[in-house]
Structures are given as C-alpha cells and as structure tokens.
Amino acid sequence: DGDAERATQILREKGLASQAKRAGRSANQGLIDAYIHFNNTVGVLIEVNCETDFVANTDEFRALVKDLALHIASPSAPRWLSRDDVPAATLEHERKIFEKQAIDSGKAENVIPRIVEGKLEAFFEDNVLLDQPFVKDDTKTIQGLLDAVGAKTGEKVAVRRFTRYRLGEDLE
C-alpha cells in the first residue's frame, strides 16, 4: 500500500511477538561440566543452560562452560549464583557491619546509607557469580559474558547451578 506508518506498526508488533516468544522459551538444553584443579584440591561441577542442543554442542558454548568452571575454581570463588541466593540473614549481618564501620569512621549520618550500599555492591561483586568480573577479562561480569553469548547465539544462556569443593574446606 505504501503506508509507512502501517508497515512500522506491523514490524513493531512482530518484534514484540518475537520478543515475547523468546521470553517464554525455556533454556532446558545445555551442558554439565566438571573441572578438577591440577593438584586435586579444588573441584567444580557446573550446569549451564541454553535453549537448543545445537548451541549446546558448539565449541563456543563448550568453551564458555569450561571457562566458567575455571572461574569458579579460582581464588575469587563465588559463594552464591545470584543476589537472590544470598540469605537475608547474611545480607543483614553484612549491612550491620558496614553501618558500624561507617559510623566508627566518623562519616556524616546522611552519607552512611550510600556508603553501606556501595559496600554491599562490593560484597556482591566478591561473592555472587553473576556479579563477579570474569577472570579472563575483568572488563566483563559473568552476567555480561552470558548476555554476550546469548546475543551472539540468539538464545537465552544461563548458569543454572554450580558447586565448588575444596579439599578440607569447612572441616572443624
């Protein structure tokens, strides 16, 4: 018809439909991988999901999963996968410590909440896998890395779970 506005509307509707379709897709394919450090004192088991076995079987996806396992085995080992996984009691405990530190340092009362929030952000960066800088490229977070692979493949890519073992850890 030559109606540019109508064409734009149709494209937008199709784009939204496509976006909604992608949002509803489940990432139930993927890989489970294990990494054992050369000295046999650290081991990692990780599950990374994507939407199709086609993507799961690519060299790039396999390398991503291996890199994530290596990252988790590193000294900057995450304790939790996402911020939602951090127990509320742990967050409250950390918040109280950060508040006391700010008060004891003599900071003005009106800046203490911002100081505490900044310290909580640093806590998440240190302890939450998705917030950590990637050990091979610290300009990217793990979530940023997953997003980049997802954008390249056109699929949702997500770490479902991981477990890290260290010989003798938590033995008392």
N, C-alpha and C. Protein backbone atom coordinates (compact mmCIF):
# COMPACT_ATOMS: atom_id res chain seq x y z
N ASP A 1 0.81 -1.19 0.00
CA ASP A 1 0.00 0.00 0.00
C ASP A 1 0.86 1.26 0.00
N GLY A 2 2.12 1.16 0.45
CA GLY A 2 2.95 2.34 0.56
C GLY A 2 2.73 3.08 1.86
N ASP A 3 2.01 2.48 2.82
CA ASP A 3 1.71 3.12 4.10
C ASP A 3 2.85 2.82 5.08
N ALA A 4 3.78 3.77 5.21
CA ALA A 4 4.96 3.56 6.04
C ALA A 4 4.59 3.39 7.51
N GLU A 5 3.62 4.15 7.98
CA GLU A 5 3.21 4.03 9.39
C GLU A 5 2.65 2.65 9.69
N ARG A 6 1.83 2.13 8.79
CA ARG A 6 1.24 0.81 8.97
C ARG A 6 2.35 -0.26 8.94
N ALA A 7 3.30 -0.11 8.03
CA ALA A 7 4.41 -1.06 7.93
C ALA A 7 5.23 -1.05 9.22
N THR A 8 5.47 0.14 9.75
CA THR A 8 6.21 0.27 11.00
C THR A 8 5.45 -0.41 12.13
N GLN A 9 4.14 -0.21 12.18
CA GLN A 9 3.31 -0.82 13.22
C GLN A 9 3.37 -2.35 13.13
N ILE A 10 3.29 -2.88 11.92
CA ILE A 10 3.35 -4.34 11.74
C ILE A 10 4.70 -4.87 12.21
N LEU A 11 5.78 -4.18 11.82
CA LEU A 11 7.11 -4.62 12.23
C LEU A 11 7.27 -4.57 13.75
N ARG A 12 6.74 -3.53 14.37
CA ARG A 12 6.82 -3.42 15.83
C ARG A 12 6.04 -4.55 16.49
N GLU A 13 4.85 -4.85 15.97
CA GLU A 13 4.04 -5.93 16.54
C GLU A 13 4.76 -7.26 16.40
N LYS A 14 5.35 -7.50 15.23
CA LYS A 14 6.08 -8.75 15.02
C LYS A 14 7.30 -8.81 15.94
N GLY A 15 7.96 -7.68 16.12
CA GLY A 15 9.11 -7.63 17.01
C GLY A 15 8.72 -7.93 18.44
N LEU A 16 7.62 -7.36 18.90
CA LEU A 16 7.14 -7.63 20.25
C LEU A 16 6.71 -9.08 20.40
N ALA A 17 6.07 -9.61 19.35
CA ALA A 17 5.66 -11.01 19.39
C ALA A 17 6.89 -11.91 19.45
N SER A 18 7.90 -11.56 18.66
CA SER A 18 9.13 -12.34 18.66
C SER A 18 9.82 -12.27 20.02
N GLN A 19 9.84 -11.08 20.59
CA GLN A 19 10.44 -10.89 21.90
C GLN A 19 9.68 -11.69 22.96
N ALA A 20 8.36 -11.64 22.90
CA ALA A 20 7.54 -12.40 23.85
C ALA A 20 7.76 -13.90 23.68
N LYS A 21 7.89 -14.32 22.43
CA LYS A 21 8.12 -15.74 22.16
C LYS A 21 9.45 -16.18 22.78
N ARG A 22 10.49 -15.35 22.60
CA ARG A 22 11.79 -15.68 23.18
C ARG A 22 11.72 -15.71 24.70
N ALA A 23 10.98 -14.78 25.28
CA ALA A 23 10.87 -14.71 26.74
C ALA A 23 10.22 -15.96 27.30
N GLY A 24 9.31 -16.56 26.55
CA GLY A 24 8.60 -17.73 27.02
C GLY A 24 9.35 -19.03 26.79
N ARG A 25 10.44 -18.97 26.04
CA ARG A 25 11.19 -20.19 25.76
C ARG A 25 11.98 -20.60 26.99
N SER A 26 12.05 -21.89 27.19
CA SER A 26 12.82 -22.36 28.34
C SER A 26 14.20 -22.79 27.89
N ALA A 27 15.15 -22.55 28.74
CA ALA A 27 16.53 -22.95 28.47
C ALA A 27 16.76 -24.28 29.16
N ASN A 28 16.31 -25.36 28.51
CA ASN A 28 16.42 -26.67 29.15
C ASN A 28 17.41 -27.60 28.44
N GLN A 29 18.22 -27.03 27.57
CA GLN A 29 19.34 -27.75 26.99
C GLN A 29 20.60 -27.19 27.64
N GLY A 30 21.74 -27.72 27.32
CA GLY A 30 22.97 -27.18 27.87
C GLY A 30 23.96 -28.26 28.19
N LEU A 31 24.85 -27.93 29.11
CA LEU A 31 25.92 -28.86 29.48
C LEU A 31 26.13 -28.86 30.99
N ILE A 32 26.53 -30.00 31.47
CA ILE A 32 27.05 -30.13 32.83
C ILE A 32 28.52 -30.47 32.65
N ASP A 33 29.37 -29.75 33.33
CA ASP A 33 30.80 -29.98 33.18
C ASP A 33 31.44 -30.04 34.56
N ALA A 34 32.58 -30.69 34.61
CA ALA A 34 33.34 -30.79 35.85
C ALA A 34 34.76 -30.34 35.58
N TYR A 35 35.34 -29.72 36.57
CA TYR A 35 36.75 -29.31 36.49
C TYR A 35 37.42 -29.71 37.79
N ILE A 36 38.54 -30.37 37.68
CA ILE A 36 39.36 -30.73 38.84
C ILE A 36 40.70 -30.02 38.66
N HIS A 37 41.08 -29.21 39.64
CA HIS A 37 42.35 -28.48 39.55
C HIS A 37 43.51 -29.46 39.54
N PHE A 38 44.62 -29.08 38.92
CA PHE A 38 45.74 -29.99 38.69
C PHE A 38 46.26 -30.65 39.96
N ASN A 39 46.15 -29.99 41.10
CA ASN A 39 46.66 -30.58 42.34
C ASN A 39 45.59 -31.37 43.10
N ASN A 40 44.43 -31.54 42.48
CA ASN A 40 43.33 -32.32 43.05
C ASN A 40 42.81 -31.80 44.38
N THR A 41 42.94 -30.49 44.64
CA THR A 41 42.42 -29.93 45.88
C THR A 41 41.17 -29.08 45.68
N VAL A 42 40.85 -28.75 44.42
CA VAL A 42 39.66 -27.96 44.11
C VAL A 42 38.92 -28.64 42.97
N GLY A 43 37.61 -28.77 43.12
CA GLY A 43 36.78 -29.32 42.06
C GLY A 43 35.51 -28.51 41.90
N VAL A 44 35.03 -28.42 40.67
CA VAL A 44 33.82 -27.66 40.36
C VAL A 44 32.91 -28.50 39.49
N LEU A 45 31.63 -28.45 39.78
CA LEU A 45 30.59 -29.05 38.96
C LEU A 45 29.64 -27.91 38.59
N ILE A 46 29.34 -27.74 37.29
CA ILE A 46 28.53 -26.61 36.84
C ILE A 46 27.53 -27.06 35.78
N GLU A 47 26.34 -26.45 35.82
CA GLU A 47 25.33 -26.66 34.79
C GLU A 47 25.02 -25.31 34.16
N VAL A 48 25.21 -25.24 32.83
CA VAL A 48 24.90 -24.04 32.07
C VAL A 48 23.86 -24.41 31.03
N ASN A 49 22.78 -23.67 31.00
CA ASN A 49 21.66 -23.98 30.11
C ASN A 49 21.57 -23.02 28.93
N CYS A 50 21.03 -23.55 27.84
CA CYS A 50 20.67 -22.77 26.66
C CYS A 50 19.37 -23.38 26.13
N GLU A 51 18.89 -22.89 25.00
CA GLU A 51 17.57 -23.33 24.53
C GLU A 51 17.61 -24.54 23.60
N THR A 52 18.71 -24.73 22.87
CA THR A 52 18.77 -25.83 21.91
C THR A 52 20.05 -26.63 22.06
N ASP A 53 19.99 -27.89 21.67
CA ASP A 53 21.20 -28.70 21.69
C ASP A 53 22.18 -28.26 20.61
N PHE A 54 21.67 -27.59 19.57
CA PHE A 54 22.55 -27.06 18.52
C PHE A 54 23.57 -26.10 19.14
N VAL A 55 23.11 -25.18 19.96
CA VAL A 55 24.01 -24.23 20.62
C VAL A 55 24.86 -24.96 21.67
N ALA A 56 24.26 -25.86 22.42
CA ALA A 56 24.99 -26.58 23.47
C ALA A 56 26.17 -27.36 22.91
N ASN A 57 26.08 -27.78 21.66
CA ASN A 57 27.14 -28.58 21.05
C ASN A 57 28.19 -27.76 20.31
N THR A 58 28.09 -26.44 20.36
CA THR A 58 29.09 -25.62 19.68
C THR A 58 30.36 -25.52 20.52
N ASP A 59 31.48 -25.33 19.84
CA ASP A 59 32.75 -25.17 20.54
C ASP A 59 32.71 -23.95 21.45
N GLU A 60 32.06 -22.87 21.00
CA GLU A 60 31.99 -21.65 21.80
C GLU A 60 31.26 -21.88 23.12
N PHE A 61 30.14 -22.62 23.07
CA PHE A 61 29.38 -22.88 24.29
C PHE A 61 30.18 -23.78 25.23
N ARG A 62 30.81 -24.80 24.66
CA ARG A 62 31.63 -25.70 25.48
C ARG A 62 32.77 -24.93 26.16
N ALA A 63 33.39 -24.02 25.40
CA ALA A 63 34.47 -23.21 25.96
C ALA A 63 33.95 -22.30 27.07
N LEU A 64 32.75 -21.74 26.88
CA LEU A 64 32.13 -20.90 27.90
C LEU A 64 31.95 -21.68 29.20
N VAL A 65 31.41 -22.88 29.09
CA VAL A 65 31.15 -23.69 30.29
C VAL A 65 32.47 -24.03 30.99
N LYS A 66 33.48 -24.38 30.21
CA LYS A 66 34.79 -24.69 30.79
C LYS A 66 35.38 -23.46 31.47
N ASP A 67 35.29 -22.30 30.81
CA ASP A 67 35.80 -21.05 31.39
C ASP A 67 35.08 -20.70 32.69
N LEU A 68 33.78 -20.93 32.73
CA LEU A 68 33.02 -20.65 33.95
C LEU A 68 33.45 -21.57 35.09
N ALA A 69 33.68 -22.84 34.77
CA ALA A 69 34.16 -23.78 35.79
C ALA A 69 35.53 -23.35 36.31
N LEU A 70 36.41 -22.92 35.41
CA LEU A 70 37.73 -22.44 35.83
C LEU A 70 37.61 -21.20 36.70
N HIS A 71 36.70 -20.31 36.33
CA HIS A 71 36.47 -19.09 37.11
C HIS A 71 36.03 -19.45 38.54
N ILE A 72 35.11 -20.38 38.65
CA ILE A 72 34.60 -20.78 39.97
C ILE A 72 35.69 -21.44 40.80
N ALA A 73 36.62 -22.13 40.14
CA ALA A 73 37.73 -22.79 40.85
C ALA A 73 38.80 -21.80 41.30
N SER A 74 38.79 -20.60 40.76
CA SER A 74 39.83 -19.60 41.06
C SER A 74 39.73 -19.14 42.51
N PRO A 75 40.76 -18.45 42.99
CA PRO A 75 40.73 -17.93 44.37
C PRO A 75 39.57 -16.97 44.65
N SER A 76 39.02 -16.35 43.61
CA SER A 76 37.89 -15.44 43.81
C SER A 76 36.56 -16.19 43.81
N ALA A 77 36.59 -17.41 44.28
CA ALA A 77 35.44 -18.30 44.24
C ALA A 77 34.15 -17.66 44.75
N PRO A 78 33.09 -17.72 43.94
CA PRO A 78 31.80 -17.18 44.39
C PRO A 78 31.15 -18.11 45.41
N ARG A 79 30.36 -17.51 46.28
CA ARG A 79 29.61 -18.30 47.26
C ARG A 79 28.19 -18.58 46.79
N TRP A 80 27.64 -17.66 45.99
CA TRP A 80 26.26 -17.79 45.52
C TRP A 80 26.19 -17.50 44.03
N LEU A 81 25.16 -18.01 43.37
CA LEU A 81 24.96 -17.79 41.94
C LEU A 81 24.46 -16.38 41.66
N SER A 82 23.40 -15.97 42.35
CA SER A 82 22.80 -14.65 42.10
C SER A 82 22.55 -13.94 43.43
N ARG A 83 22.23 -12.66 43.33
CA ARG A 83 21.94 -11.89 44.54
C ARG A 83 20.75 -12.48 45.29
N ASP A 84 19.80 -13.04 44.56
CA ASP A 84 18.62 -13.63 45.19
C ASP A 84 18.98 -14.84 46.05
N ASP A 85 20.13 -15.45 45.79
CA ASP A 85 20.54 -16.64 46.54
C ASP A 85 21.23 -16.31 47.86
N VAL A 86 21.62 -15.06 48.04
CA VAL A 86 22.28 -14.66 49.29
C VAL A 86 21.23 -14.65 50.40
N PRO A 87 21.44 -15.40 51.47
CA PRO A 87 20.44 -15.44 52.55
C PRO A 87 20.22 -14.04 53.15
N ALA A 88 18.98 -13.75 53.48
CA ALA A 88 18.62 -12.46 54.06
C ALA A 88 19.41 -12.20 55.34
N ALA A 89 19.62 -13.24 56.13
CA ALA A 89 20.37 -13.08 57.38
C ALA A 89 21.82 -12.66 57.11
N THR A 90 22.40 -13.20 56.05
CA THR A 90 23.77 -12.82 55.68
C THR A 90 23.82 -11.36 55.25
N LEU A 91 22.86 -10.95 54.43
CA LEU A 91 22.80 -9.56 53.99
C LEU A 91 22.64 -8.61 55.17
N GLU A 92 21.77 -8.97 56.08
CA GLU A 92 21.53 -8.12 57.25
C GLU A 92 22.79 -8.03 58.12
N HIS A 93 23.46 -9.15 58.28
CA HIS A 93 24.71 -9.18 59.06
C HIS A 93 25.76 -8.27 58.41
N GLU A 94 25.94 -8.40 57.10
CA GLU A 94 26.91 -7.57 56.38
C GLU A 94 26.53 -6.09 56.46
N ARG A 95 25.25 -5.81 56.30
CA ARG A 95 24.77 -4.42 56.35
C ARG A 95 25.11 -3.79 57.71
N LYS A 96 24.89 -4.54 58.79
CA LYS A 96 25.20 -4.02 60.14
C LYS A 96 26.70 -3.75 60.30
N ILE A 97 27.52 -4.65 59.77
CA ILE A 97 28.97 -4.45 59.84
C ILE A 97 29.36 -3.18 59.09
N PHE A 98 28.81 -3.01 57.88
CA PHE A 98 29.15 -1.84 57.06
C PHE A 98 28.66 -0.55 57.71
N GLU A 99 27.48 -0.60 58.33
CA GLU A 99 26.97 0.59 59.03
C GLU A 99 27.88 0.96 60.20
N LYS A 100 28.28 -0.04 60.98
CA LYS A 100 29.16 0.22 62.12
C LYS A 100 30.49 0.79 61.65
N GLN A 101 31.05 0.23 60.57
CA GLN A 101 32.31 0.75 60.03
C GLN A 101 32.17 2.22 59.64
N ALA A 102 31.07 2.55 58.96
CA ALA A 102 30.85 3.93 58.51
C ALA A 102 30.68 4.88 59.71
N ILE A 103 29.92 4.44 60.70
CA ILE A 103 29.71 5.27 61.89
C ILE A 103 31.03 5.47 62.64
N ASP A 104 31.78 4.36 62.82
CA ASP A 104 33.05 4.43 63.55
C ASP A 104 34.10 5.28 62.83
N SER A 105 33.96 5.42 61.52
CA SER A 105 34.93 6.23 60.77
C SER A 105 34.61 7.72 60.86
N GLY A 106 33.48 8.04 61.51
CA GLY A 106 33.13 9.45 61.70
C GLY A 106 32.44 10.09 60.52
N LYS A 107 31.92 9.30 59.61
CA LYS A 107 31.21 9.85 58.45
C LYS A 107 29.91 10.51 58.88
N ALA A 108 29.51 11.50 58.09
CA ALA A 108 28.24 12.20 58.36
C ALA A 108 27.09 11.21 58.22
N GLU A 109 26.10 11.37 59.08
CA GLU A 109 24.97 10.44 59.11
C GLU A 109 24.23 10.37 57.77
N ASN A 110 24.16 11.49 57.05
CA ASN A 110 23.41 11.50 55.79
C ASN A 110 24.12 10.73 54.66
N VAL A 111 25.42 10.45 54.78
CA VAL A 111 26.12 9.70 53.73
C VAL A 111 26.27 8.22 54.07
N ILE A 112 25.96 7.85 55.29
CA ILE A 112 26.12 6.46 55.71
C ILE A 112 25.32 5.49 54.84
N PRO A 113 24.05 5.75 54.51
CA PRO A 113 23.32 4.80 53.65
C PRO A 113 24.00 4.58 52.29
N ARG A 114 24.57 5.64 51.71
CA ARG A 114 25.26 5.48 50.41
C ARG A 114 26.54 4.67 50.57
N ILE A 115 27.24 4.88 51.66
CA ILE A 115 28.45 4.10 51.93
C ILE A 115 28.10 2.63 52.09
N VAL A 116 27.04 2.36 52.85
CA VAL A 116 26.61 0.97 53.07
C VAL A 116 26.22 0.32 51.74
N GLU A 117 25.46 1.03 50.91
CA GLU A 117 25.06 0.48 49.60
C GLU A 117 26.27 0.19 48.73
N GLY A 118 27.25 1.09 48.75
CA GLY A 118 28.48 0.86 47.98
C GLY A 118 29.23 -0.37 48.46
N LYS A 119 29.29 -0.54 49.77
CA LYS A 119 29.96 -1.72 50.33
C LYS A 119 29.19 -3.00 50.03
N LEU A 120 27.85 -2.92 50.01
CA LEU A 120 27.06 -4.09 49.64
C LEU A 120 27.29 -4.46 48.18
N GLU A 121 27.41 -3.45 47.31
CA GLU A 121 27.72 -3.73 45.90
C GLU A 121 29.06 -4.46 45.79
N ALA A 122 30.05 -4.01 46.54
CA ALA A 122 31.36 -4.67 46.54
C ALA A 122 31.24 -6.10 47.08
N PHE A 123 30.41 -6.28 48.11
CA PHE A 123 30.16 -7.62 48.66
C PHE A 123 29.59 -8.54 47.59
N PHE A 124 28.59 -8.04 46.83
CA PHE A 124 28.00 -8.85 45.76
C PHE A 124 29.05 -9.18 44.70
N GLU A 125 29.86 -8.21 44.34
CA GLU A 125 30.89 -8.42 43.33
C GLU A 125 31.90 -9.48 43.77
N ASP A 126 32.17 -9.53 45.06
CA ASP A 126 33.12 -10.51 45.58
C ASP A 126 32.51 -11.90 45.74
N ASN A 127 31.21 -11.98 46.01
CA ASN A 127 30.61 -13.25 46.43
C ASN A 127 29.56 -13.85 45.52
N VAL A 128 29.04 -13.09 44.57
CA VAL A 128 27.96 -13.56 43.70
C VAL A 128 28.51 -13.79 42.29
N LEU A 129 28.41 -15.01 41.80
CA LEU A 129 28.99 -15.36 40.50
C LEU A 129 28.58 -14.40 39.40
N LEU A 130 27.30 -14.13 39.24
CA LEU A 130 26.84 -13.31 38.12
C LEU A 130 27.34 -11.87 38.19
N ASP A 131 27.72 -11.40 39.37
CA ASP A 131 28.22 -10.03 39.55
C ASP A 131 29.75 -9.94 39.48
N GLN A 132 30.42 -11.08 39.50
CA GLN A 132 31.88 -11.06 39.53
C GLN A 132 32.48 -10.68 38.18
N PRO A 133 33.62 -9.97 38.21
CA PRO A 133 34.34 -9.74 36.96
C PRO A 133 34.92 -11.08 36.49
N PHE A 134 34.84 -11.33 35.19
CA PHE A 134 35.33 -12.58 34.61
C PHE A 134 36.85 -12.62 34.74
N VAL A 135 37.42 -13.72 35.22
CA VAL A 135 38.86 -13.79 35.47
C VAL A 135 39.69 -13.62 34.20
N LYS A 136 39.17 -14.00 33.05
CA LYS A 136 39.92 -13.87 31.80
C LYS A 136 39.78 -12.49 31.16
N ASP A 137 38.78 -11.72 31.58
CA ASP A 137 38.55 -10.37 31.04
C ASP A 137 37.77 -9.58 32.08
N ASP A 138 38.48 -8.89 32.95
CA ASP A 138 37.81 -8.23 34.07
C ASP A 138 37.01 -6.99 33.68
N THR A 139 36.93 -6.71 32.37
CA THR A 139 36.04 -5.62 31.93
C THR A 139 34.60 -6.12 31.79
N LYS A 140 34.42 -7.45 31.88
CA LYS A 140 33.08 -8.05 31.77
C LYS A 140 32.73 -8.76 33.06
N THR A 141 31.45 -8.68 33.43
CA THR A 141 30.97 -9.51 34.53
C THR A 141 30.57 -10.86 33.94
N ILE A 142 30.37 -11.83 34.80
CA ILE A 142 29.90 -13.13 34.33
C ILE A 142 28.54 -12.97 33.65
N GLN A 143 27.64 -12.15 34.23
CA GLN A 143 26.34 -11.92 33.59
C GLN A 143 26.54 -11.28 32.22
N GLY A 144 27.46 -10.33 32.11
CA GLY A 144 27.75 -9.70 30.83
C GLY A 144 28.26 -10.69 29.81
N LEU A 145 29.09 -11.63 30.26
CA LEU A 145 29.61 -12.68 29.39
C LEU A 145 28.47 -13.57 28.89
N LEU A 146 27.59 -13.98 29.80
CA LEU A 146 26.43 -14.80 29.42
C LEU A 146 25.53 -14.05 28.44
N ASP A 147 25.31 -12.76 28.70
CA ASP A 147 24.48 -11.94 27.81
C ASP A 147 25.10 -11.84 26.43
N ALA A 148 26.42 -11.69 26.36
CA ALA A 148 27.10 -11.58 25.07
C ALA A 148 26.97 -12.87 24.26
N VAL A 149 27.14 -14.01 24.92
CA VAL A 149 26.99 -15.29 24.23
C VAL A 149 25.53 -15.48 23.81
N GLY A 150 24.61 -15.08 24.67
CA GLY A 150 23.19 -15.16 24.33
C GLY A 150 22.85 -14.29 23.13
N ALA A 151 23.40 -13.09 23.08
CA ALA A 151 23.14 -12.20 21.94
C ALA A 151 23.71 -12.78 20.66
N LYS A 152 24.88 -13.38 20.76
CA LYS A 152 25.53 -13.96 19.58
C LYS A 152 24.77 -15.18 19.05
N THR A 153 24.25 -15.99 19.98
CA THR A 153 23.55 -17.21 19.57
C THR A 153 22.06 -16.99 19.36
N GLY A 154 21.54 -15.89 19.88
CA GLY A 154 20.10 -15.64 19.79
C GLY A 154 19.30 -16.47 20.78
N GLU A 155 19.97 -17.00 21.77
CA GLU A 155 19.30 -17.84 22.76
C GLU A 155 19.57 -17.33 24.18
N LYS A 156 18.70 -17.73 25.08
CA LYS A 156 18.92 -17.46 26.50
C LYS A 156 20.01 -18.42 26.98
N VAL A 157 21.03 -17.87 27.61
CA VAL A 157 22.12 -18.67 28.17
C VAL A 157 22.22 -18.31 29.65
N ALA A 158 22.20 -19.32 30.51
CA ALA A 158 22.18 -19.05 31.95
C ALA A 158 22.90 -20.16 32.72
N VAL A 159 23.58 -19.76 33.78
CA VAL A 159 24.13 -20.74 34.71
C VAL A 159 22.98 -21.16 35.61
N ARG A 160 22.71 -22.44 35.63
CA ARG A 160 21.60 -22.94 36.46
C ARG A 160 22.05 -23.17 37.90
N ARG A 161 23.24 -23.78 38.03
CA ARG A 161 23.76 -24.06 39.37
C ARG A 161 25.23 -24.47 39.27
N PHE A 162 25.90 -24.38 40.39
CA PHE A 162 27.29 -24.83 40.47
C PHE A 162 27.58 -25.26 41.90
N THR A 163 28.60 -26.08 42.02
CA THR A 163 29.10 -26.50 43.32
C THR A 163 30.61 -26.47 43.25
N ARG A 164 31.22 -25.94 44.28
CA ARG A 164 32.69 -25.88 44.35
C ARG A 164 33.11 -26.64 45.59
N TYR A 165 34.08 -27.51 45.40
CA TYR A 165 34.63 -28.27 46.52
C TYR A 165 36.10 -27.91 46.68
N ARG A 166 36.52 -27.76 47.91
CA ARG A 166 37.94 -27.54 48.20
C ARG A 166 38.32 -28.53 49.29
N LEU A 167 39.35 -29.28 49.05
CA LEU A 167 39.79 -30.32 49.98
C LEU A 167 39.99 -29.74 51.37
N GLY A 168 39.33 -30.32 52.35
CA GLY A 168 39.47 -29.89 53.74
C GLY A 168 38.67 -28.67 54.12
N GLU A 169 37.95 -28.08 53.18
CA GLU A 169 37.17 -26.88 53.48
C GLU A 169 36.00 -27.22 54.40
N ASP A 170 35.72 -26.35 55.33
CA ASP A 170 34.60 -26.49 56.27
C ASP A 170 34.74 -27.68 57.21
N LEU A 171 35.94 -28.16 57.39
CA LEU A 171 36.17 -29.22 58.37
C LEU A 171 36.70 -28.60 59.65
N GLU A 172 36.00 -28.79 60.72
CA GLU A 172 36.43 -28.23 62.00
C GLU A 172 36.15 -29.16 63.12
